[in-house]
Amino acid sequence: MATATVTSKGQVTIPVEVRADLGLHPGSRLVFLPTGTGRYEVHAESGSIRELKGAVPSPQNPVSLEDMDAAIAGGAGASGP
């Protein structure tokens, strides 16, 4: 079990294994949720949508709006599984 000590300034160093499990990096934010039993759950705060920029590579063969419209009009994928 990982433990940490609160400093006189109220700061805590989160153990490396906990940071890894939560996917934390410098600048990450944590959310403390009360459970109603005198305890708290700690969650990594979800990032901004802007952090996703570049997560998906650009397609090698981009599809034009005209191609999309033609596929929609033609019922692309309408046959189902």
PDB file of N, CA and C in Angstrom:
ATOM      1  N   MET A   1       0.848  -1.170   0.000  1.00  0.00           N
ATOM      2  CA  MET A   1       0.000   0.000   0.000  1.00  0.00           C
ATOM      3  C   MET A   1       0.896   1.235   0.000  1.00  0.00           C
ATOM      4  N   ALA A   2       0.596   2.172  -0.878  1.00  0.00           N
ATOM      5  CA  ALA A   2       1.368   3.402  -0.979  1.00  0.00           C
ATOM      6  C   ALA A   2       0.921   4.388   0.101  1.00  0.00           C
ATOM      7  N   THR A   3       1.884   5.104   0.673  1.00  0.00           N
ATOM      8  CA  THR A   3       1.570   6.121   1.679  1.00  0.00           C
ATOM      9  C   THR A   3       2.303   7.407   1.337  1.00  0.00           C
ATOM     10  N   ALA A   4       1.820   8.506   1.919  1.00  0.00           N
ATOM     11  CA  ALA A   4       2.456   9.808   1.734  1.00  0.00           C
ATOM     12  C   ALA A   4       2.251  10.618   3.000  1.00  0.00           C
ATOM     13  N   THR A   5       3.056  11.640   3.166  1.00  0.00           N
ATOM     14  CA  THR A   5       2.983  12.504   4.337  1.00  0.00           C
ATOM     15  C   THR A   5       2.604  13.911   3.904  1.00  0.00           C
ATOM     16  N   VAL A   6       1.729  14.546   4.670  1.00  0.00           N
ATOM     17  CA  VAL A   6       1.333  15.928   4.397  1.00  0.00           C
ATOM     18  C   VAL A   6       2.382  16.834   5.040  1.00  0.00           C
ATOM     19  N   THR A   7       2.901  17.798   4.254  1.00  0.00           N
ATOM     20  CA  THR A   7       3.891  18.734   4.775  1.00  0.00           C
ATOM     21  C   THR A   7       3.193  19.849   5.557  1.00  0.00           C
ATOM     22  N   SER A   8       3.984  20.696   6.205  1.00  0.00           N
ATOM     23  CA  SER A   8       3.420  21.824   6.957  1.00  0.00           C
ATOM     24  C   SER A   8       2.694  22.808   6.041  1.00  0.00           C
ATOM     25  N   LYS A   9       2.993  22.766   4.737  1.00  0.00           N
ATOM     26  CA  LYS A   9       2.318  23.624   3.765  1.00  0.00           C
ATOM     27  C   LYS A   9       1.077  22.943   3.168  1.00  0.00           C
ATOM     28  N   GLY A  10       0.743  21.741   3.642  1.00  0.00           N
ATOM     29  CA  GLY A  10      -0.416  21.030   3.138  1.00  0.00           C
ATOM     30  C   GLY A  10      -0.161  20.304   1.829  1.00  0.00           C
ATOM     31  N   GLN A  11       1.099  20.112   1.477  1.00  0.00           N
ATOM     32  CA  GLN A  11       1.437  19.456   0.220  1.00  0.00           C
ATOM     33  C   GLN A  11       1.720  17.974   0.451  1.00  0.00           C
ATOM     34  N   VAL A  12       1.464  17.195  -0.588  1.00  0.00           N
ATOM     35  CA  VAL A  12       1.695  15.751  -0.538  1.00  0.00           C
ATOM     36  C   VAL A  12       2.418  15.351  -1.813  1.00  0.00           C
ATOM     37  N   THR A  13       3.444  14.528  -1.691  1.00  0.00           N
ATOM     38  CA  THR A  13       4.084  13.939  -2.862  1.00  0.00           C
ATOM     39  C   THR A  13       3.400  12.611  -3.121  1.00  0.00           C
ATOM     40  N   ILE A  14       2.795  12.482  -4.294  1.00  0.00           N
ATOM     41  CA  ILE A  14       2.075  11.263  -4.647  1.00  0.00           C
ATOM     42  C   ILE A  14       3.101  10.217  -5.074  1.00  0.00           C
ATOM     43  N   PRO A  15       3.045   9.036  -4.481  1.00  0.00           N
ATOM     44  CA  PRO A  15       4.023   7.999  -4.832  1.00  0.00           C
ATOM     45  C   PRO A  15       4.001   7.678  -6.322  1.00  0.00           C
ATOM     46  N   VAL A  16       5.150   7.338  -6.856  1.00  0.00           N
ATOM     47  CA  VAL A  16       5.322   7.117  -8.290  1.00  0.00           C
ATOM     48  C   VAL A  16       4.359   6.058  -8.831  1.00  0.00           C
ATOM     49  N   GLU A  17       4.128   4.985  -8.076  1.00  0.00           N
ATOM     50  CA  GLU A  17       3.231   3.939  -8.574  1.00  0.00           C
ATOM     51  C   GLU A  17       1.785   4.424  -8.666  1.00  0.00           C
ATOM     52  N   VAL A  18       1.389   5.317  -7.760  1.00  0.00           N
ATOM     53  CA  VAL A  18       0.036   5.883  -7.804  1.00  0.00           C
ATOM     54  C   VAL A  18      -0.080   6.840  -8.985  1.00  0.00           C
ATOM     55  N   ARG A  19       0.957   7.667  -9.202  1.00  0.00           N
ATOM     56  CA  ARG A  19       0.947   8.572 -10.363  1.00  0.00           C
ATOM     57  C   ARG A  19       0.840   7.780 -11.654  1.00  0.00           C
ATOM     58  N   ALA A  20       1.561   6.673 -11.740  1.00  0.00           N
ATOM     59  CA  ALA A  20       1.520   5.842 -12.952  1.00  0.00           C
ATOM     60  C   ALA A  20       0.128   5.223 -13.132  1.00  0.00           C
ATOM     61  N   ASP A  21      -0.442   4.701 -12.049  1.00  0.00           N
ATOM     62  CA  ASP A  21      -1.770   4.078 -12.127  1.00  0.00           C
ATOM     63  C   ASP A  21      -2.843   5.071 -12.553  1.00  0.00           C
ATOM     64  N   LEU A  22      -2.731   6.324 -12.110  1.00  0.00           N
ATOM     65  CA  LEU A  22      -3.717   7.354 -12.441  1.00  0.00           C
ATOM     66  C   LEU A  22      -3.402   8.081 -13.740  1.00  0.00           C
ATOM     67  N   GLY A  23      -2.226   7.793 -14.312  1.00  0.00           N
ATOM     68  CA  GLY A  23      -1.845   8.468 -15.557  1.00  0.00           C
ATOM     69  C   GLY A  23      -1.524   9.940 -15.336  1.00  0.00           C
ATOM     70  N   LEU A  24      -0.977  10.254 -14.178  1.00  0.00           N
ATOM     71  CA  LEU A  24      -0.675  11.651 -13.841  1.00  0.00           C
ATOM     72  C   LEU A  24       0.676  12.071 -14.393  1.00  0.00           C
ATOM     73  N   HIS A  25       0.761  13.322 -14.749  1.00  0.00           N
ATOM     74  CA  HIS A  25       2.005  13.933 -15.219  1.00  0.00           C
ATOM     75  C   HIS A  25       2.036  15.350 -14.682  1.00  0.00           C
ATOM     76  N   PRO A  26       3.179  16.037 -14.758  1.00  0.00           N
ATOM     77  CA  PRO A  26       3.229  17.412 -14.251  1.00  0.00           C
ATOM     78  C   PRO A  26       2.104  18.250 -14.863  1.00  0.00           C
ATOM     79  N   GLY A  27       1.375  18.937 -14.007  1.00  0.00           N
ATOM     80  CA  GLY A  27       0.261  19.762 -14.463  1.00  0.00           C
ATOM     81  C   GLY A  27      -1.084  19.063 -14.386  1.00  0.00           C
ATOM     82  N   SER A  28      -1.083  17.750 -14.112  1.00  0.00           N
ATOM     83  CA  SER A  28      -2.354  17.031 -13.974  1.00  0.00           C
ATOM     84  C   SER A  28      -3.126  17.586 -12.780  1.00  0.00           C
ATOM     85  N   ARG A  29      -4.450  17.486 -12.877  1.00  0.00           N
ATOM     86  CA  ARG A  29      -5.303  17.948 -11.788  1.00  0.00           C
ATOM     87  C   ARG A  29      -6.020  16.750 -11.185  1.00  0.00           C
ATOM     88  N   LEU A  30      -6.250  16.810  -9.889  1.00  0.00           N
ATOM     89  CA  LEU A  30      -6.959  15.756  -9.178  1.00  0.00           C
ATOM     90  C   LEU A  30      -8.291  16.288  -8.671  1.00  0.00           C
ATOM     91  N   VAL A  31      -9.277  15.401  -8.608  1.00  0.00           N
ATOM     92  CA  VAL A  31     -10.590  15.725  -8.060  1.00  0.00           C
ATOM     93  C   VAL A  31     -10.771  14.871  -6.807  1.00  0.00           C
ATOM     94  N   PHE A  32     -11.198  15.501  -5.721  1.00  0.00           N
ATOM     95  CA  PHE A  32     -11.449  14.804  -4.469  1.00  0.00           C
ATOM     96  C   PHE A  32     -12.953  14.753  -4.254  1.00  0.00           C
ATOM     97  N   LEU A  33     -13.524  13.548  -4.308  1.00  0.00           N
ATOM     98  CA  LEU A  33     -14.965  13.380  -4.191  1.00  0.00           C
ATOM     99  C   LEU A  33     -15.305  12.763  -2.838  1.00  0.00           C
ATOM    100  N   PRO A  34     -16.123  13.470  -2.029  1.00  0.00           N
ATOM    101  CA  PRO A  34     -16.512  12.880  -0.741  1.00  0.00           C
ATOM    102  C   PRO A  34     -17.438  11.690  -0.966  1.00  0.00           C
ATOM    103  N   THR A  35     -17.211  10.622  -0.209  1.00  0.00           N
ATOM    104  CA  THR A  35     -18.035   9.425  -0.354  1.00  0.00           C
ATOM    105  C   THR A  35     -19.231   9.449   0.575  1.00  0.00           C
ATOM    106  N   GLY A  36     -19.247  10.390   1.518  1.00  0.00           N
ATOM    107  CA  GLY A  36     -20.340  10.458   2.479  1.00  0.00           C
ATOM    108  C   GLY A  36     -20.081   9.649   3.728  1.00  0.00           C
ATOM    109  N   THR A  37     -18.942   8.992   3.798  1.00  0.00           N
ATOM    110  CA  THR A  37     -18.605   8.168   4.962  1.00  0.00           C
ATOM    111  C   THR A  37     -17.354   8.705   5.655  1.00  0.00           C
ATOM    112  N   GLY A  38     -17.044   9.982   5.423  1.00  0.00           N
ATOM    113  CA  GLY A  38     -15.848  10.552   6.017  1.00  0.00           C
ATOM    114  C   GLY A  38     -14.591  10.245   5.229  1.00  0.00           C
ATOM    115  N   ARG A  39     -14.755   9.699   4.040  1.00  0.00           N
ATOM    116  CA  ARG A  39     -13.629   9.371   3.166  1.00  0.00           C
ATOM    117  C   ARG A  39     -13.784  10.109   1.846  1.00  0.00           C
ATOM    118  N   TYR A  40     -12.717  10.112   1.075  1.00  0.00           N
ATOM    119  CA  TYR A  40     -12.724  10.750  -0.242  1.00  0.00           C
ATOM    120  C   TYR A  40     -12.192   9.787  -1.287  1.00  0.00           C
ATOM    121  N   GLU A  41     -12.711   9.894  -2.492  1.00  0.00           N
ATOM    122  CA  GLU A  41     -12.151   9.204  -3.644  1.00  0.00           C
ATOM    123  C   GLU A  41     -11.320  10.219  -4.402  1.00  0.00           C
ATOM    124  N   VAL A  42     -10.168   9.797  -4.904  1.00  0.00           N
ATOM    125  CA  VAL A  42      -9.297  10.674  -5.676  1.00  0.00           C
ATOM    126  C   VAL A  42      -9.342  10.215  -7.128  1.00  0.00           C
ATOM    127  N   HIS A  43      -9.668  11.159  -8.022  1.00  0.00           N
ATOM    128  CA  HIS A  43      -9.749  10.854  -9.450  1.00  0.00           C
ATOM    129  C   HIS A  43      -8.908  11.850 -10.224  1.00  0.00           C
ATOM    130  N   ALA A  44      -8.275  11.377 -11.284  1.00  0.00           N
ATOM    131  CA  ALA A  44      -7.585  12.291 -12.189  1.00  0.00           C
ATOM    132  C   ALA A  44      -8.658  13.040 -12.958  1.00  0.00           C
ATOM    133  N   GLU A  45      -8.555  14.359 -12.996  1.00  0.00           N
ATOM    134  CA  GLU A  45      -9.538  15.166 -13.709  1.00  0.00           C
ATOM    135  C   GLU A  45      -9.383  14.945 -15.202  1.00  0.00           C
ATOM    136  N   SER A  46     -10.503  14.815 -15.877  1.00  0.00           N
ATOM    137  CA  SER A  46     -10.469  14.668 -17.332  1.00  0.00           C
ATOM    138  C   SER A  46      -9.888  15.926 -17.945  1.00  0.00           C
ATOM    139  N   GLY A  47      -9.102  15.730 -18.996  1.00  0.00           N
ATOM    140  CA  GLY A  47      -8.462  16.852 -19.661  1.00  0.00           C
ATOM    141  C   GLY A  47      -9.398  17.588 -20.599  1.00  0.00           C
ATOM    142  N   SER A  48      -8.867  18.610 -21.163  1.00  0.00           N
ATOM    143  CA  SER A  48      -9.579  19.420 -22.134  1.00  0.00           C
ATOM    144  C   SER A  48      -9.623  18.702 -23.475  1.00  0.00           C
ATOM    145  N   ILE A  49     -10.638  18.968 -24.243  1.00  0.00           N
ATOM    146  CA  ILE A  49     -10.743  18.406 -25.593  1.00  0.00           C
ATOM    147  C   ILE A  49      -9.542  18.828 -26.432  1.00  0.00           C
ATOM    148  N   ARG A  50      -8.981  19.954 -26.112  1.00  0.00           N
ATOM    149  CA  ARG A  50      -7.819  20.452 -26.865  1.00  0.00           C
ATOM    150  C   ARG A  50      -6.596  19.555 -26.692  1.00  0.00           C
ATOM    151  N   GLU A  51      -6.547  18.812 -25.581  1.00  0.00           N
ATOM    152  CA  GLU A  51      -5.423  17.900 -25.360  1.00  0.00           C
ATOM    153  C   GLU A  51      -5.455  16.720 -26.328  1.00  0.00           C
ATOM    154  N   LEU A  52      -6.592  16.499 -26.970  1.00  0.00           N
ATOM    155  CA  LEU A  52      -6.715  15.380 -27.905  1.00  0.00           C
ATOM    156  C   LEU A  52      -6.168  15.704 -29.288  1.00  0.00           C
ATOM    157  N   LYS A  53      -5.846  16.975 -29.531  1.00  0.00           N
ATOM    158  CA  LYS A  53      -5.335  17.367 -30.848  1.00  0.00           C
ATOM    159  C   LYS A  53      -4.109  16.527 -31.190  1.00  0.00           C
ATOM    160  N   GLY A  54      -4.158  15.912 -32.365  1.00  0.00           N
ATOM    161  CA  GLY A  54      -3.053  15.093 -32.829  1.00  0.00           C
ATOM    162  C   GLY A  54      -3.119  13.646 -32.371  1.00  0.00           C
ATOM    163  N   ALA A  55      -4.121  13.295 -31.555  1.00  0.00           N
ATOM    164  CA  ALA A  55      -4.218  11.924 -31.062  1.00  0.00           C
ATOM    165  C   ALA A  55      -4.580  10.948 -32.179  1.00  0.00           C
ATOM    166  N   VAL A  56      -5.322  11.423 -33.157  1.00  0.00           N
ATOM    167  CA  VAL A  56      -5.706  10.585 -34.298  1.00  0.00           C
ATOM    168  C   VAL A  56      -5.008  11.148 -35.532  1.00  0.00           C
ATOM    169  N   PRO A  57      -4.252  10.319 -36.232  1.00  0.00           N
ATOM    170  CA  PRO A  57      -3.534  10.835 -37.405  1.00  0.00           C
ATOM    171  C   PRO A  57      -4.497  11.233 -38.517  1.00  0.00           C
ATOM    172  N   SER A  58      -4.067  12.160 -39.351  1.00  0.00           N
ATOM    173  CA  SER A  58      -4.864  12.560 -40.510  1.00  0.00           C
ATOM    174  C   SER A  58      -4.974  11.385 -41.467  1.00  0.00           C
ATOM    175  N   PRO A  59      -6.123  11.240 -42.124  1.00  0.00           N
ATOM    176  CA  PRO A  59      -6.276  10.117 -43.056  1.00  0.00           C
ATOM    177  C   PRO A  59      -5.331  10.258 -44.248  1.00  0.00           C
ATOM    178  N   GLN A  60      -4.873   9.115 -44.775  1.00  0.00           N
ATOM    179  CA  GLN A  60      -3.986   9.151 -45.934  1.00  0.00           C
ATOM    180  C   GLN A  60      -4.730   9.586 -47.180  1.00  0.00           C
ATOM    181  N   ASN A  61      -5.997   9.206 -47.270  1.00  0.00           N
ATOM    182  CA  ASN A  61      -6.828   9.565 -48.419  1.00  0.00           C
ATOM    183  C   ASN A  61      -8.068  10.301 -47.915  1.00  0.00           C
ATOM    184  N   PRO A  62      -7.977  11.607 -47.738  1.00  0.00           N
ATOM    185  CA  PRO A  62      -9.129  12.352 -47.218  1.00  0.00           C
ATOM    186  C   PRO A  62     -10.355  12.191 -48.116  1.00  0.00           C
ATOM    187  N   VAL A  63     -11.525  12.217 -47.526  1.00  0.00           N
ATOM    188  CA  VAL A  63     -12.790  12.097 -48.257  1.00  0.00           C
ATOM    189  C   VAL A  63     -13.392  13.491 -48.363  1.00  0.00           C
ATOM    190  N   SER A  64     -13.819  13.848 -49.567  1.00  0.00           N
ATOM    191  CA  SER A  64     -14.409  15.174 -49.768  1.00  0.00           C
ATOM    192  C   SER A  64     -15.854  15.187 -49.272  1.00  0.00           C
ATOM    193  N   LEU A  65     -16.367  16.381 -49.054  1.00  0.00           N
ATOM    194  CA  LEU A  65     -17.767  16.521 -48.663  1.00  0.00           C
ATOM    195  C   LEU A  65     -18.689  15.945 -49.725  1.00  0.00           C
ATOM    196  N   GLU A  66     -18.327  16.119 -50.983  1.00  0.00           N
ATOM    197  CA  GLU A  66     -19.139  15.577 -52.073  1.00  0.00           C
ATOM    198  C   GLU A  66     -19.192  14.052 -51.995  1.00  0.00           C
ATOM    199  N   ASP A  67     -18.046  13.412 -51.712  1.00  0.00           N
ATOM    200  CA  ASP A  67     -18.016  11.955 -51.573  1.00  0.00           C
ATOM    201  C   ASP A  67     -18.891  11.499 -50.395  1.00  0.00           C
ATOM    202  N   MET A  68     -18.824  12.251 -49.284  1.00  0.00           N
ATOM    203  CA  MET A  68     -19.645  11.911 -48.119  1.00  0.00           C
ATOM    204  C   MET A  68     -21.126  12.031 -48.459  1.00  0.00           C
ATOM    205  N   ASP A  69     -21.490  13.144 -49.116  1.00  0.00           N
ATOM    206  CA  ASP A  69     -22.889  13.336 -49.509  1.00  0.00           C
ATOM    207  C   ASP A  69     -23.363  12.219 -50.427  1.00  0.00           C
ATOM    208  N   ALA A  70     -22.515  11.808 -51.377  1.00  0.00           N
ATOM    209  CA  ALA A  70     -22.880  10.738 -52.299  1.00  0.00           C
ATOM    210  C   ALA A  70     -23.064   9.417 -51.551  1.00  0.00           C
ATOM    211  N   ALA A  71     -22.201   9.150 -50.574  1.00  0.00           N
ATOM    212  CA  ALA A  71     -22.319   7.917 -49.792  1.00  0.00           C
ATOM    213  C   ALA A  71     -23.601   7.921 -48.978  1.00  0.00           C
ATOM    214  N   ILE A  72     -23.932   9.064 -48.389  1.00  0.00           N
ATOM    215  CA  ILE A  72     -25.163   9.174 -47.613  1.00  0.00           C
ATOM    216  C   ILE A  72     -26.379   8.986 -48.504  1.00  0.00           C
ATOM    217  N   ALA A  73     -26.367   9.664 -49.644  1.00  0.00           N
ATOM    218  CA  ALA A  73     -27.491   9.576 -50.580  1.00  0.00           C
ATOM    219  C   ALA A  73     -27.649   8.155 -51.091  1.00  0.00           C
ATOM    220  N   GLY A  74     -26.539   7.437 -51.248  1.00  0.00           N
ATOM    221  CA  GLY A  74     -26.589   6.082 -51.764  1.00  0.00           C
ATOM    222  C   GLY A  74     -26.906   5.045 -50.692  1.00  0.00           C
ATOM    223  N   GLY A  75     -27.052   5.485 -49.449  1.00  0.00           N
ATOM    224  CA  GLY A  75     -27.379   4.551 -48.367  1.00  0.00           C
ATOM    225  C   GLY A  75     -26.200   3.704 -47.952  1.00  0.00           C
ATOM    226  N   ALA A  76     -25.007   4.264 -47.945  1.00  0.00           N
ATOM    227  CA  ALA A  76     -23.804   3.519 -47.563  1.00  0.00           C
ATOM    228  C   ALA A  76     -23.986   2.902 -46.200  1.00  0.00           C
ATOM    229  N   GLY A  77     -23.748   1.619 -46.119  1.00  0.00           N
ATOM    230  CA  GLY A  77     -23.837   0.910 -44.838  1.00  0.00           C
ATOM    231  C   GLY A  77     -25.265   0.634 -44.397  1.00  0.00           C
ATOM    232  N   ALA A  78     -26.256   0.932 -45.219  1.00  0.00           N
ATOM    233  CA  ALA A  78     -27.643   0.755 -44.834  1.00  0.00           C
ATOM    234  C   ALA A  78     -28.050  -0.715 -44.768  1.00  0.00           C
ATOM    235  N   SER A  79     -27.242  -1.606 -45.361  1.00  0.00           N
ATOM    236  CA  SER A  79     -27.608  -3.027 -45.376  1.00  0.00           C
ATOM    237  C   SER A  79     -27.497  -3.647 -43.988  1.00  0.00           C
ATOM    238  N   GLY A  80     -26.661  -3.062 -43.125  1.00  0.00           N
ATOM    239  CA  GLY A  80     -26.544  -3.539 -41.732  1.00  0.00           C
ATOM    240  C   GLY A  80     -25.775  -4.832 -41.645  1.00  0.00           C
ATOM    241  N   PRO A  81     -25.603  -5.324 -40.430  1.00  0.00           N
ATOM    242  CA  PRO A  81     -24.836  -6.574 -40.217  1.00  0.00           C
ATOM    243  C   PRO A  81     -25.599  -7.804 -40.613  1.00  0.00           C
TER     244      PRO A  81
END
